[in-house]
């Protein structure tokens, strides 16, 4: 179950970053602050930025073209990132059912 939790956590972090950068470019700092403000995450930069870097390398995020002082460090979701969001939402639907039925079988309800 530990590996599934790790995979889900990493996928959720990626999904949050991609979704947050859909409408407007955001800096990494702003992404972290927004997540903390919503009480959905308390990432350290050491765990957050490697995920951002992996999304950029994977072509799911582009870097640059933001506003203000952090313009060069702003990220925007690419077409590939939007497609990934669609796939990951399907993954979570399936995964939720697996987790639910596993919990039932283990008598956790």
N, C-alpha and C. Protein backbone atom coordinates (compact mmCIF):
# COMPACT_ATOMS: atom_id res chain seq x y z
N UNK A 1 0.82 -1.20 0.00
CA UNK A 1 0.00 0.00 0.00
C UNK A 1 0.87 1.26 0.00
N UNK A 2 2.10 1.17 0.53
CA UNK A 2 2.98 2.33 0.59
C UNK A 2 3.29 2.84 -0.81
N UNK A 3 3.59 1.94 -1.76
CA UNK A 3 3.91 2.35 -3.11
C UNK A 3 2.72 3.03 -3.77
N UNK A 4 1.51 2.51 -3.56
CA UNK A 4 0.32 3.13 -4.12
C UNK A 4 0.15 4.53 -3.55
N UNK A 5 0.33 4.70 -2.24
CA UNK A 5 0.20 6.01 -1.62
C UNK A 5 1.21 6.99 -2.19
N UNK A 6 2.46 6.53 -2.39
CA UNK A 6 3.50 7.38 -2.94
C UNK A 6 3.13 7.80 -4.36
N UNK A 7 2.67 6.84 -5.16
CA UNK A 7 2.29 7.13 -6.54
C UNK A 7 1.13 8.11 -6.59
N UNK A 8 0.13 7.89 -5.75
CA UNK A 8 -1.02 8.78 -5.72
C UNK A 8 -0.59 10.18 -5.27
N UNK A 9 0.26 10.26 -4.25
CA UNK A 9 0.73 11.56 -3.78
C UNK A 9 1.48 12.33 -4.85
N UNK A 10 2.34 11.65 -5.56
CA UNK A 10 3.11 12.29 -6.63
C UNK A 10 2.18 12.72 -7.77
N UNK A 11 1.23 11.87 -8.10
CA UNK A 11 0.27 12.20 -9.16
C UNK A 11 -0.61 13.37 -8.76
N UNK A 12 -1.01 13.43 -7.49
CA UNK A 12 -1.83 14.55 -7.02
C UNK A 12 -1.05 15.86 -7.06
N UNK A 13 0.22 15.81 -6.68
CA UNK A 13 1.06 17.00 -6.75
C UNK A 13 1.17 17.49 -8.18
N UNK A 14 1.43 16.58 -9.11
CA UNK A 14 1.52 16.93 -10.53
C UNK A 14 0.20 17.51 -11.03
N UNK A 15 -0.90 16.87 -10.66
CA UNK A 15 -2.22 17.33 -11.11
C UNK A 15 -2.51 18.73 -10.57
N UNK A 16 -2.19 18.97 -9.31
CA UNK A 16 -2.42 20.30 -8.72
C UNK A 16 -1.62 21.36 -9.47
N UNK A 17 -0.35 21.09 -9.72
CA UNK A 17 0.51 22.05 -10.41
C UNK A 17 -0.03 22.34 -11.81
N UNK A 18 -0.34 21.29 -12.55
CA UNK A 18 -0.83 21.47 -13.92
C UNK A 18 -2.16 22.22 -13.95
N UNK A 19 -3.07 21.85 -13.07
CA UNK A 19 -4.37 22.51 -13.03
C UNK A 19 -4.23 23.98 -12.65
N UNK A 20 -3.36 24.26 -11.69
CA UNK A 20 -3.17 25.63 -11.23
C UNK A 20 -2.58 26.54 -12.30
N UNK A 21 -1.83 25.96 -13.22
CA UNK A 21 -1.18 26.76 -14.26
C UNK A 21 -1.95 26.77 -15.58
N UNK A 22 -3.17 26.29 -15.58
CA UNK A 22 -3.97 26.26 -16.81
C UNK A 22 -4.39 27.65 -17.27
N UNK A 23 -4.94 28.46 -16.38
CA UNK A 23 -5.53 29.74 -16.77
C UNK A 23 -4.52 30.87 -16.85
N UNK A 24 -3.51 30.83 -15.99
CA UNK A 24 -2.50 31.88 -16.00
C UNK A 24 -1.16 31.32 -15.53
N UNK A 25 -0.07 31.87 -16.02
CA UNK A 25 1.24 31.42 -15.55
C UNK A 25 1.41 31.74 -14.07
N UNK A 26 2.06 30.84 -13.35
CA UNK A 26 2.31 31.05 -11.93
C UNK A 26 3.74 30.65 -11.60
N UNK A 27 4.32 31.40 -10.68
CA UNK A 27 5.66 31.05 -10.21
C UNK A 27 5.56 29.86 -9.25
N UNK A 28 6.67 29.19 -9.06
CA UNK A 28 6.71 28.08 -8.11
C UNK A 28 6.35 28.55 -6.71
N UNK A 29 6.85 29.73 -6.36
CA UNK A 29 6.54 30.29 -5.04
C UNK A 29 5.04 30.49 -4.87
N UNK A 30 4.40 31.04 -5.89
CA UNK A 30 2.95 31.28 -5.80
C UNK A 30 2.18 29.96 -5.73
N UNK A 31 2.61 28.97 -6.49
CA UNK A 31 1.95 27.66 -6.44
C UNK A 31 2.00 27.09 -5.02
N UNK A 32 3.16 27.18 -4.40
CA UNK A 32 3.31 26.66 -3.04
C UNK A 32 2.46 27.45 -2.05
N UNK A 33 2.44 28.78 -2.20
CA UNK A 33 1.65 29.61 -1.29
C UNK A 33 0.15 29.36 -1.46
N UNK A 34 -0.30 29.22 -2.71
CA UNK A 34 -1.72 28.93 -2.96
C UNK A 34 -2.12 27.60 -2.33
N UNK A 35 -1.26 26.59 -2.47
CA UNK A 35 -1.56 25.27 -1.89
C UNK A 35 -1.63 25.35 -0.37
N UNK A 36 -0.72 26.09 0.22
CA UNK A 36 -0.74 26.26 1.68
C UNK A 36 -1.98 27.02 2.12
N UNK A 37 -2.36 28.04 1.34
CA UNK A 37 -3.55 28.83 1.66
C UNK A 37 -4.83 28.01 1.62
N UNK A 38 -4.85 27.02 0.75
CA UNK A 38 -6.01 26.13 0.65
C UNK A 38 -5.93 24.97 1.63
N UNK A 39 -4.84 24.92 2.38
CA UNK A 39 -4.58 23.83 3.34
C UNK A 39 -4.58 22.45 2.67
N UNK A 40 -4.09 22.39 1.42
CA UNK A 40 -4.04 21.10 0.75
C UNK A 40 -2.64 20.51 0.74
N UNK A 41 -1.64 21.34 1.03
CA UNK A 41 -0.28 20.81 1.03
C UNK A 41 0.64 21.74 1.81
N UNK A 42 1.69 21.17 2.32
CA UNK A 42 2.73 21.94 2.98
C UNK A 42 4.07 21.43 2.47
N UNK A 43 4.28 21.62 1.17
CA UNK A 43 5.48 21.12 0.52
C UNK A 43 6.71 21.89 0.95
N UNK A 44 7.82 21.21 0.96
CA UNK A 44 9.10 21.89 1.06
C UNK A 44 9.58 22.10 -0.37
N UNK A 45 10.44 23.08 -0.55
CA UNK A 45 10.95 23.32 -1.91
C UNK A 45 11.72 22.11 -2.42
N UNK A 46 12.31 21.34 -1.50
CA UNK A 46 13.06 20.14 -1.89
C UNK A 46 12.21 19.02 -2.44
N UNK A 47 10.93 19.00 -2.09
CA UNK A 47 10.04 17.98 -2.65
C UNK A 47 9.18 18.53 -3.78
N UNK A 48 8.95 19.83 -3.78
CA UNK A 48 8.08 20.46 -4.77
C UNK A 48 8.79 20.71 -6.10
N UNK A 49 9.94 21.35 -6.07
CA UNK A 49 10.61 21.74 -7.31
C UNK A 49 11.08 20.58 -8.18
N UNK A 50 11.49 19.45 -7.63
CA UNK A 50 11.80 18.32 -8.51
C UNK A 50 10.58 17.87 -9.33
N UNK A 51 9.39 17.97 -8.75
CA UNK A 51 8.17 17.63 -9.49
C UNK A 51 7.94 18.64 -10.60
N UNK A 52 8.12 19.93 -10.30
CA UNK A 52 7.97 20.98 -11.32
C UNK A 52 8.98 20.75 -12.44
N UNK A 53 10.23 20.48 -12.08
CA UNK A 53 11.27 20.24 -13.08
C UNK A 53 10.94 19.04 -13.97
N UNK A 54 10.41 17.98 -13.36
CA UNK A 54 10.03 16.79 -14.14
C UNK A 54 8.90 17.12 -15.11
N UNK A 55 7.96 17.96 -14.69
CA UNK A 55 6.85 18.36 -15.57
C UNK A 55 7.36 19.21 -16.74
N UNK A 56 8.34 20.07 -16.47
CA UNK A 56 8.94 20.88 -17.55
C UNK A 56 9.69 19.97 -18.52
N UNK A 57 10.51 19.06 -17.99
CA UNK A 57 11.27 18.13 -18.85
C UNK A 57 10.35 17.24 -19.66
N UNK A 58 9.20 16.89 -19.09
CA UNK A 58 8.23 16.04 -19.78
C UNK A 58 7.36 16.80 -20.78
N UNK A 59 7.57 18.11 -20.88
CA UNK A 59 6.80 18.91 -21.83
C UNK A 59 5.40 19.26 -21.36
N UNK A 60 5.11 19.02 -20.09
CA UNK A 60 3.76 19.29 -19.57
C UNK A 60 3.62 20.71 -19.04
N UNK A 61 4.74 21.33 -18.69
CA UNK A 61 4.78 22.73 -18.26
C UNK A 61 5.80 23.46 -19.10
N UNK A 62 5.50 24.72 -19.41
CA UNK A 62 6.51 25.57 -20.04
C UNK A 62 6.91 26.63 -19.01
N UNK A 63 8.12 27.12 -19.13
CA UNK A 63 8.64 28.08 -18.16
C UNK A 63 8.85 29.42 -18.84
N UNK A 64 8.42 30.50 -18.16
CA UNK A 64 8.62 31.84 -18.67
C UNK A 64 7.31 32.54 -18.99
N UNK A 65 7.38 33.76 -19.42
CA UNK A 65 6.26 34.61 -19.88
C UNK A 65 5.22 34.92 -18.81
N UNK A 66 5.65 35.10 -17.57
CA UNK A 66 4.73 35.52 -16.52
C UNK A 66 4.75 37.03 -16.36
N UNK A 67 4.11 37.53 -15.31
CA UNK A 67 4.04 38.96 -15.04
C UNK A 67 4.85 39.29 -13.79
N UNK A 68 5.34 40.52 -13.71
CA UNK A 68 6.00 40.99 -12.50
C UNK A 68 7.41 40.49 -12.34
N UNK A 69 7.87 40.52 -11.09
CA UNK A 69 9.25 40.16 -10.76
C UNK A 69 9.59 38.71 -11.04
N UNK A 70 8.60 37.85 -11.01
CA UNK A 70 8.85 36.42 -11.18
C UNK A 70 8.52 35.94 -12.60
N UNK A 71 8.54 36.87 -13.56
CA UNK A 71 8.14 36.54 -14.93
C UNK A 71 8.93 35.38 -15.53
N UNK A 72 10.23 35.35 -15.30
CA UNK A 72 11.06 34.30 -15.90
C UNK A 72 10.89 32.95 -15.22
N UNK A 73 10.28 32.94 -14.05
CA UNK A 73 10.08 31.69 -13.33
C UNK A 73 8.62 31.27 -13.28
N UNK A 74 7.81 31.81 -14.18
CA UNK A 74 6.39 31.46 -14.21
C UNK A 74 6.19 30.24 -15.10
N UNK A 75 5.27 29.39 -14.70
CA UNK A 75 4.99 28.15 -15.42
C UNK A 75 3.58 28.17 -15.98
N UNK A 76 3.44 27.58 -17.16
CA UNK A 76 2.13 27.45 -17.79
C UNK A 76 1.96 26.01 -18.27
N UNK A 77 0.74 25.49 -18.12
CA UNK A 77 0.44 24.13 -18.57
C UNK A 77 0.39 24.10 -20.10
N UNK A 78 1.03 23.13 -20.69
CA UNK A 78 1.05 22.96 -22.15
C UNK A 78 -0.09 22.04 -22.59
N UNK A 79 -0.19 21.86 -23.89
CA UNK A 79 -1.20 20.94 -24.44
C UNK A 79 -0.95 19.52 -23.91
N UNK A 80 0.30 19.12 -23.86
CA UNK A 80 0.65 17.79 -23.33
C UNK A 80 0.21 17.68 -21.87
N UNK A 81 0.40 18.75 -21.11
CA UNK A 81 -0.02 18.77 -19.71
C UNK A 81 -1.52 18.64 -19.56
N UNK A 82 -2.27 19.30 -20.45
CA UNK A 82 -3.74 19.19 -20.42
C UNK A 82 -4.18 17.75 -20.70
N UNK A 83 -3.52 17.12 -21.66
CA UNK A 83 -3.84 15.72 -21.98
C UNK A 83 -3.53 14.81 -20.79
N UNK A 84 -2.41 15.07 -20.13
CA UNK A 84 -2.04 14.29 -18.95
C UNK A 84 -3.08 14.45 -17.84
N UNK A 85 -3.58 15.67 -17.65
CA UNK A 85 -4.62 15.90 -16.65
C UNK A 85 -5.85 15.04 -16.93
N UNK A 86 -6.22 14.92 -18.20
CA UNK A 86 -7.35 14.07 -18.57
C UNK A 86 -7.10 12.62 -18.22
N UNK A 87 -5.90 12.14 -18.52
CA UNK A 87 -5.56 10.74 -18.21
C UNK A 87 -5.49 10.49 -16.71
N UNK A 88 -4.91 11.43 -16.00
CA UNK A 88 -4.75 11.23 -14.57
C UNK A 88 -6.10 11.26 -13.85
N UNK A 89 -7.05 12.02 -14.36
CA UNK A 89 -8.38 12.03 -13.73
C UNK A 89 -9.04 10.67 -13.89
N UNK A 90 -8.83 10.02 -15.02
CA UNK A 90 -9.36 8.67 -15.22
C UNK A 90 -8.66 7.69 -14.27
N UNK A 91 -7.36 7.85 -14.10
CA UNK A 91 -6.60 7.00 -13.19
C UNK A 91 -7.15 7.10 -11.78
N UNK A 92 -7.42 8.33 -11.33
CA UNK A 92 -7.91 8.51 -9.97
C UNK A 92 -9.29 7.90 -9.78
N UNK A 93 -10.12 7.96 -10.79
CA UNK A 93 -11.44 7.33 -10.67
C UNK A 93 -11.28 5.83 -10.45
N UNK A 94 -10.41 5.20 -11.23
CA UNK A 94 -10.17 3.76 -11.07
C UNK A 94 -9.52 3.46 -9.72
N UNK A 95 -8.55 4.27 -9.36
CA UNK A 95 -7.80 4.05 -8.12
C UNK A 95 -8.70 4.20 -6.90
N UNK A 96 -9.61 5.17 -6.92
CA UNK A 96 -10.54 5.35 -5.81
C UNK A 96 -11.36 4.09 -5.58
N UNK A 97 -11.81 3.48 -6.66
CA UNK A 97 -12.60 2.26 -6.53
C UNK A 97 -11.76 1.12 -5.95
N UNK A 98 -10.52 1.00 -6.42
CA UNK A 98 -9.64 -0.05 -5.90
C UNK A 98 -9.40 0.12 -4.40
N UNK A 99 -9.11 1.35 -4.00
CA UNK A 99 -8.85 1.63 -2.59
C UNK A 99 -10.09 1.36 -1.75
N UNK A 100 -11.24 1.77 -2.26
CA UNK A 100 -12.50 1.54 -1.55
C UNK A 100 -12.74 0.05 -1.34
N UNK A 101 -12.61 -0.73 -2.41
CA UNK A 101 -12.87 -2.17 -2.29
C UNK A 101 -11.80 -2.87 -1.45
N UNK A 102 -10.57 -2.42 -1.51
CA UNK A 102 -9.53 -2.98 -0.65
C UNK A 102 -9.86 -2.73 0.82
N UNK A 103 -10.31 -1.52 1.11
CA UNK A 103 -10.69 -1.18 2.48
C UNK A 103 -11.86 -2.03 2.95
N UNK A 104 -12.81 -2.25 2.06
CA UNK A 104 -13.95 -3.11 2.41
C UNK A 104 -13.48 -4.53 2.73
N UNK A 105 -12.63 -5.07 1.87
CA UNK A 105 -12.16 -6.44 2.03
C UNK A 105 -11.32 -6.60 3.31
N UNK A 106 -10.62 -5.55 3.69
CA UNK A 106 -9.79 -5.60 4.89
C UNK A 106 -10.59 -5.28 6.15
N UNK A 107 -11.87 -4.98 5.99
CA UNK A 107 -12.73 -4.69 7.13
C UNK A 107 -12.49 -3.36 7.80
N UNK A 108 -12.04 -2.38 7.03
CA UNK A 108 -11.77 -1.06 7.62
C UNK A 108 -13.01 -0.19 7.74
N UNK A 109 -14.17 -0.70 7.33
CA UNK A 109 -15.42 0.07 7.47
C UNK A 109 -16.29 -0.56 8.52
